[in-house]
Protein backbone atom coordinates (compact mmCIF):
# COMPACT_ATOMS: atom_id res chain seq x y z
CA MET A 1 -149.56 59.04 64.33
CA LYS A 2 -150.76 61.86 66.54
CA ALA A 3 -150.16 62.03 70.28
CA ARG A 4 -150.90 64.50 73.05
CA LEU A 5 -148.47 66.15 75.41
CA VAL A 6 -149.32 65.16 78.99
CA ARG A 7 -148.29 66.92 82.19
CA ILE A 8 -145.59 65.23 84.23
CA GLY A 9 -144.88 67.56 87.14
CA ASN A 10 -143.58 70.81 85.67
CA SER A 11 -142.67 69.07 82.41
CA ARG A 12 -144.57 67.53 79.54
CA GLY A 13 -144.31 64.05 78.09
CA VAL A 14 -145.53 61.91 75.25
CA ARG A 15 -146.76 58.35 75.73
CA LEU A 16 -145.20 56.09 73.12
CA PRO A 17 -147.07 52.94 72.08
CA LYS A 18 -145.23 49.69 72.82
CA PRO A 19 -145.10 48.57 69.14
CA LEU A 20 -143.51 51.90 68.18
CA ILE A 21 -140.88 51.50 70.92
CA ALA A 22 -140.10 47.97 69.75
CA GLU A 23 -139.89 48.97 66.09
CA ALA A 24 -137.44 51.78 66.90
CA GLY A 25 -135.36 49.49 69.13
CA LEU A 26 -135.61 51.84 72.10
CA SER A 27 -134.63 50.83 75.63
CA GLU A 28 -134.94 52.57 78.99
CA GLU A 29 -132.50 55.33 78.01
CA VAL A 30 -132.87 57.41 74.83
CA GLU A 31 -131.19 60.41 73.22
CA LEU A 32 -133.23 63.54 72.50
CA ARG A 33 -132.30 66.04 69.79
CA VAL A 34 -133.97 68.94 68.07
CA ARG A 35 -133.50 68.81 64.31
CA GLY A 36 -135.26 71.12 61.90
CA GLY A 37 -138.04 72.04 64.32
CA ALA A 38 -138.68 68.40 65.27
CA ILE A 39 -137.84 66.51 68.45
CA VAL A 40 -136.01 63.31 67.56
CA ILE A 41 -136.04 60.40 70.02
CA ALA A 42 -133.28 57.90 69.22
CA ARG A 43 -131.75 54.88 70.89
CA VAL A 44 -128.52 55.55 72.74
CA ALA A 45 -125.47 54.69 70.66
CA LEU A 46 -123.06 52.31 72.33
CA PRO A 47 -119.77 53.92 73.29
CA ARG A 48 -117.23 53.52 70.50
CA SER A 49 -119.71 51.69 68.29
CA GLY A 50 -118.39 51.61 64.76
CA TRP A 51 -114.78 52.23 65.77
CA ALA A 52 -113.61 48.74 64.75
CA GLU A 53 -115.13 49.12 61.29
CA ALA A 54 -113.65 52.62 60.91
CA ALA A 55 -110.20 51.30 61.92
CA ARG A 56 -110.50 48.46 59.41
CA GLN A 57 -111.36 50.91 56.63
CA LEU A 58 -108.43 53.18 57.57
CA HIS A 59 -106.09 50.18 57.43
CA GLN A 60 -107.44 49.12 54.01
CA ARG A 61 -106.81 52.63 52.67
CA GLY A 62 -103.32 52.73 54.24
CA GLU A 63 -104.27 55.72 56.38
CA ASP A 64 -103.54 54.16 59.77
CA ALA A 65 -99.87 55.16 60.06
CA LEU A 66 -98.61 57.25 62.97
CA PRO A 67 -98.42 60.95 62.05
CA ASP A 68 -94.90 61.29 63.48
CA PRO A 69 -92.06 58.77 63.71
CA PRO A 70 -91.60 57.23 67.17
CA THR A 71 -88.95 58.88 69.34
CA SER A 72 -87.18 57.19 72.18
CA THR A 73 -87.03 58.74 75.63
CA ARG A 74 -84.48 58.61 78.43
CA PHE A 75 -86.57 55.88 80.00
CA ASP A 76 -86.36 53.83 76.79
CA GLU A 77 -82.59 54.28 76.52
CA ARG A 78 -81.53 53.79 80.16
CA GLU A 79 -84.23 52.18 82.26
CA TRP A 80 -86.30 49.88 80.09
CA LYS A 81 -85.27 46.21 80.27
CA TRP A 82 -86.66 43.43 78.06
């Protein structure tokens, strides 16, 4: 599909047809990137999306252990009360 760049103040814009917006799942806010000489318009990823799945996969592979053993502090030894 071809489109024209239109003036918007000192900038330029592209009008996107409503069906194209719906098909791409775009909302009011989008991310813009340049990749290989092309401008990519993508929906904004939700913060931490995919983290739960990544954590589950780490656990299944046994790679979710702490890198160092826990060490107690002065607070743990003297001040902390259960």
